[in-house]
Each structure stands twice: as C-alpha cells, then as structure tokens.
Amino acid sequence: MKIHIHARNADLAEDFRAIVEEKLNSMERFSVTIDRVEVEILHEANPRQGKNSHRVILTSHGSGPLIKSEAASFNDVAAFDSAIKSFMLQIRKIHERTKAHNRDTLRTRKSAG
C-alpha cells in the first residue's frame, strides 16, 4: 500500500509520517484491496477555530472500495487518530461483508460425513 501525505498550510509533527505508516499498514490484516491512501492535512489559520484547527482527510484509491474518512482536532496527530478510527470501522465492515460465513456446526459435519 502506498501512502501519500499532503500538508496544506500546516507544519507536521516530526513523527507524524511514522505514525501514519504504522497505523495504515496495520489495516492490511483485513485483506481489503487498497492500492493507495491519500492523507491530506489542512490547517485553519483562524484563531477562533483553535479546537478544530487541523483537519485530516483519508481517502483510499485502488481496485477495492472507495473509503473516505475525515476528522478535525487541535493538532494533526489527534485529528489523524480520530480519522483512522472511522477508516478502520469502514474497512472492518467491508471485511465482514466479504467473509464467508459457513453456518455448519461441528455436530452436523460429523453426522453428514
């Protein structure tokens, strides 16, 4: 999975790229096909928007489903944490829908075989 980080009017934390790569690479366990994830960070310069001054938008691209998640918080890492929770929930739902739910129990398999 390729990760593209775009920062617009924002200075990123030093370890932000490492945090993003670690959390997004952990999503591969759900076996949902995602070729590329774009992470866009927007900073609002208005001081009255202090609590929601950083906005993070996550967008997936590829042959799999389109997943988009957005969150705003007081800094870029906190906004990313909120956005990744929503992103993970969407991936988990897609994974659950595609999973084969075989309803046979062990008891019916033994008696049929």
C-alpha atoms as a PDB file:
ATOM      1  CA  MET A   1       0.000   0.000   0.000  1.00  0.00           C
ATOM      2  CA  LYS A   2       1.361   3.396  -0.992  1.00  0.00           C
ATOM      3  CA  ILE A   3       0.809   6.329   1.335  1.00  0.00           C
ATOM      4  CA  HIS A   4       0.751   9.915   0.054  1.00  0.00           C
ATOM      5  CA  ILE A   5       0.782  12.717   2.621  1.00  0.00           C
ATOM      6  CA  HIS A   6      -0.262  16.220   1.542  1.00  0.00           C
ATOM      7  CA  ALA A   7       0.105  19.048   4.052  1.00  0.00           C
ATOM      8  CA  ARG A   8      -1.613  22.298   3.157  1.00  0.00           C
ATOM      9  CA  ASN A   9      -0.798  25.347   5.297  1.00  0.00           C
ATOM     10  CA  ALA A  10       0.335  23.004   8.076  1.00  0.00           C
ATOM     11  CA  ASP A  11       3.594  22.085   9.764  1.00  0.00           C
ATOM     12  CA  LEU A  12       3.566  18.373  10.592  1.00  0.00           C
ATOM     13  CA  ALA A  13       4.880  16.794  13.761  1.00  0.00           C
ATOM     14  CA  GLU A  14       8.283  15.128  13.440  1.00  0.00           C
ATOM     15  CA  ASP A  15       6.990  11.592  13.923  1.00  0.00           C
ATOM     16  CA  PHE A  16       3.727  12.067  12.006  1.00  0.00           C
ATOM     17  CA  ARG A  17       4.853  10.097   8.924  1.00  0.00           C
ATOM     18  CA  ALA A  18       5.951   7.137  11.078  1.00  0.00           C
ATOM     19  CA  ILE A  19       2.628   7.123  12.953  1.00  0.00           C
ATOM     20  CA  VAL A  20       0.645   7.249   9.697  1.00  0.00           C
ATOM     21  CA  GLU A  21       2.618   4.416   8.099  1.00  0.00           C
ATOM     22  CA  GLU A  22       2.355   2.218  11.183  1.00  0.00           C
ATOM     23  CA  LYS A  23      -1.411   2.614  11.572  1.00  0.00           C
ATOM     24  CA  LEU A  24      -2.260   2.311   7.865  1.00  0.00           C
ATOM     25  CA  ASN A  25      -0.020  -0.731   7.354  1.00  0.00           C
ATOM     26  CA  SER A  26      -1.834  -2.448  10.213  1.00  0.00           C
ATOM     27  CA  MET A  27      -5.022  -2.244   8.086  1.00  0.00           C
ATOM     28  CA  GLU A  28      -3.639  -4.886   5.710  1.00  0.00           C
ATOM     29  CA  ARG A  29      -4.762  -7.607   8.127  1.00  0.00           C
ATOM     30  CA  PHE A  30      -8.349  -7.112   6.916  1.00  0.00           C
ATOM     31  CA  SER A  31      -7.459  -8.299   3.376  1.00  0.00           C
ATOM     32  CA  VAL A  32      -9.310  -5.434   1.686  1.00  0.00           C
ATOM     33  CA  THR A  33      -7.639  -4.386  -1.576  1.00  0.00           C
ATOM     34  CA  ILE A  34      -6.306  -0.850  -1.224  1.00  0.00           C
ATOM     35  CA  ASP A  35      -3.547   0.312  -3.570  1.00  0.00           C
ATOM     36  CA  ARG A  36      -3.016   3.847  -2.290  1.00  0.00           C
ATOM     37  CA  VAL A  37      -4.136   6.007   0.626  1.00  0.00           C
ATOM     38  CA  GLU A  38      -4.013   9.791   0.466  1.00  0.00           C
ATOM     39  CA  VAL A  39      -3.641  11.631   3.770  1.00  0.00           C
ATOM     40  CA  GLU A  40      -4.470  15.316   3.460  1.00  0.00           C
ATOM     41  CA  ILE A  41      -3.815  17.702   6.347  1.00  0.00           C
ATOM     42  CA  LEU A  42      -5.426  21.137   6.292  1.00  0.00           C
ATOM     43  CA  HIS A  43      -4.714  23.870   8.822  1.00  0.00           C
ATOM     44  CA  GLU A  44      -7.193  26.629   9.620  1.00  0.00           C
ATOM     45  CA  ALA A  45      -5.382  29.855  10.483  1.00  0.00           C
ATOM     46  CA  ASN A  46      -8.383  31.449  12.201  1.00  0.00           C
ATOM     47  CA  PRO A  47      -7.592  31.544  15.951  1.00  0.00           C
ATOM     48  CA  ARG A  48     -11.266  31.103  16.839  1.00  0.00           C
ATOM     49  CA  GLN A  49     -11.108  27.635  15.286  1.00  0.00           C
ATOM     50  CA  GLY A  50      -8.432  26.545  17.771  1.00  0.00           C
ATOM     51  CA  LYS A  51     -10.128  23.343  18.895  1.00  0.00           C
ATOM     52  CA  ASN A  52     -10.681  22.218  15.303  1.00  0.00           C
ATOM     53  CA  SER A  53      -7.777  23.934  13.584  1.00  0.00           C
ATOM     54  CA  HIS A  54      -6.284  20.786  12.000  1.00  0.00           C
ATOM     55  CA  ARG A  55      -8.364  18.677   9.622  1.00  0.00           C
ATOM     56  CA  VAL A  56      -7.242  15.278   8.317  1.00  0.00           C
ATOM     57  CA  ILE A  57      -8.866  13.597   5.322  1.00  0.00           C
ATOM     58  CA  LEU A  58      -8.089   9.959   4.492  1.00  0.00           C
ATOM     59  CA  THR A  59      -9.053   8.661   1.029  1.00  0.00           C
ATOM     60  CA  SER A  60      -8.378   5.194  -0.380  1.00  0.00           C
ATOM     61  CA  HIS A  61      -7.798   4.531  -4.071  1.00  0.00           C
ATOM     62  CA  GLY A  62      -7.485   1.295  -5.970  1.00  0.00           C
ATOM     63  CA  SER A  63      -9.409  -1.688  -7.187  1.00  0.00           C
ATOM     64  CA  GLY A  64     -11.147  -2.087  -3.836  1.00  0.00           C
ATOM     65  CA  PRO A  65     -13.945   0.061  -2.441  1.00  0.00           C
ATOM     66  CA  LEU A  66     -13.626   3.821  -2.007  1.00  0.00           C
ATOM     67  CA  ILE A  67     -13.197   4.679   1.657  1.00  0.00           C
ATOM     68  CA  LYS A  68     -13.124   8.252   2.889  1.00  0.00           C
ATOM     69  CA  SER A  69     -12.750   9.468   6.439  1.00  0.00           C
ATOM     70  CA  GLU A  70     -12.427  12.967   7.859  1.00  0.00           C
ATOM     71  CA  ALA A  71     -11.768  14.402  11.320  1.00  0.00           C
ATOM     72  CA  ALA A  72     -10.760  17.705  12.910  1.00  0.00           C
ATOM     73  CA  SER A  73      -8.949  18.363  16.160  1.00  0.00           C
ATOM     74  CA  PHE A  74      -6.471  20.688  17.904  1.00  0.00           C
ATOM     75  CA  ASN A  75      -3.386  19.088  16.289  1.00  0.00           C
ATOM     76  CA  ASP A  76      -2.581  16.855  13.342  1.00  0.00           C
ATOM     77  CA  VAL A  77      -1.900  13.668  15.319  1.00  0.00           C
ATOM     78  CA  ALA A  78      -5.156  13.889  17.300  1.00  0.00           C
ATOM     79  CA  ALA A  79      -7.124  14.546  14.119  1.00  0.00           C
ATOM     80  CA  PHE A  80      -5.428  11.580  12.422  1.00  0.00           C
ATOM     81  CA  ASP A  81      -6.314   9.305  15.354  1.00  0.00           C
ATOM     82  CA  SER A  82      -9.981  10.271  15.051  1.00  0.00           C
ATOM     83  CA  ALA A  83      -9.960   9.802  11.276  1.00  0.00           C
ATOM     84  CA  ILE A  84      -8.216   6.418  11.437  1.00  0.00           C
ATOM     85  CA  LYS A  85     -10.885   5.089  13.822  1.00  0.00           C
ATOM     86  CA  SER A  86     -13.583   5.830  11.257  1.00  0.00           C
ATOM     87  CA  PHE A  87     -11.389   4.467   8.446  1.00  0.00           C
ATOM     88  CA  MET A  88     -10.798   1.224  10.378  1.00  0.00           C
ATOM     89  CA  LEU A  89     -14.505   0.834  11.103  1.00  0.00           C
ATOM     90  CA  GLN A  90     -15.322   1.102   7.388  1.00  0.00           C
ATOM     91  CA  ILE A  91     -12.622  -1.422   6.445  1.00  0.00           C
ATOM     92  CA  ARG A  92     -13.843  -3.804   9.150  1.00  0.00           C
ATOM     93  CA  LYS A  93     -17.421  -3.590   7.822  1.00  0.00           C
ATOM     94  CA  ILE A  94     -16.243  -4.354   4.284  1.00  0.00           C
ATOM     95  CA  HIS A  95     -14.171  -7.274   5.573  1.00  0.00           C
ATOM     96  CA  GLU A  96     -17.137  -8.698   7.489  1.00  0.00           C
ATOM     97  CA  ARG A  97     -19.392  -8.445   4.432  1.00  0.00           C
ATOM     98  CA  THR A  98     -16.942 -10.314   2.228  1.00  0.00           C
ATOM     99  CA  LYS A  99     -16.155 -13.021   4.776  1.00  0.00           C
ATOM    100  CA  ALA A 100     -17.682 -16.443   4.089  1.00  0.00           C
ATOM    101  CA  HIS A 101     -19.932 -17.309   7.000  1.00  0.00           C
ATOM    102  CA  ASN A 102     -20.267 -21.080   6.923  1.00  0.00           C
ATOM    103  CA  ARG A 103     -23.161 -21.941   9.231  1.00  0.00           C
ATOM    104  CA  ASP A 104     -22.317 -25.641   9.589  1.00  0.00           C
ATOM    105  CA  THR A 105     -21.570 -26.705  13.124  1.00  0.00           C
ATOM    106  CA  LEU A 106     -19.215 -29.488  14.106  1.00  0.00           C
ATOM    107  CA  ARG A 107     -22.155 -31.700  15.061  1.00  0.00           C
ATOM    108  CA  THR A 108     -23.748 -31.561  11.576  1.00  0.00           C
ATOM    109  CA  ARG A 109     -20.387 -32.123   9.843  1.00  0.00           C
ATOM    110  CA  LYS A 110     -19.700 -35.318  11.834  1.00  0.00           C
ATOM    111  CA  SER A 111     -23.154 -36.795  11.192  1.00  0.00           C
ATOM    112  CA  ALA A 112     -23.113 -35.904   7.483  1.00  0.00           C
ATOM    113  CA  GLY A 113     -19.585 -37.333   6.927  1.00  0.00           C
END
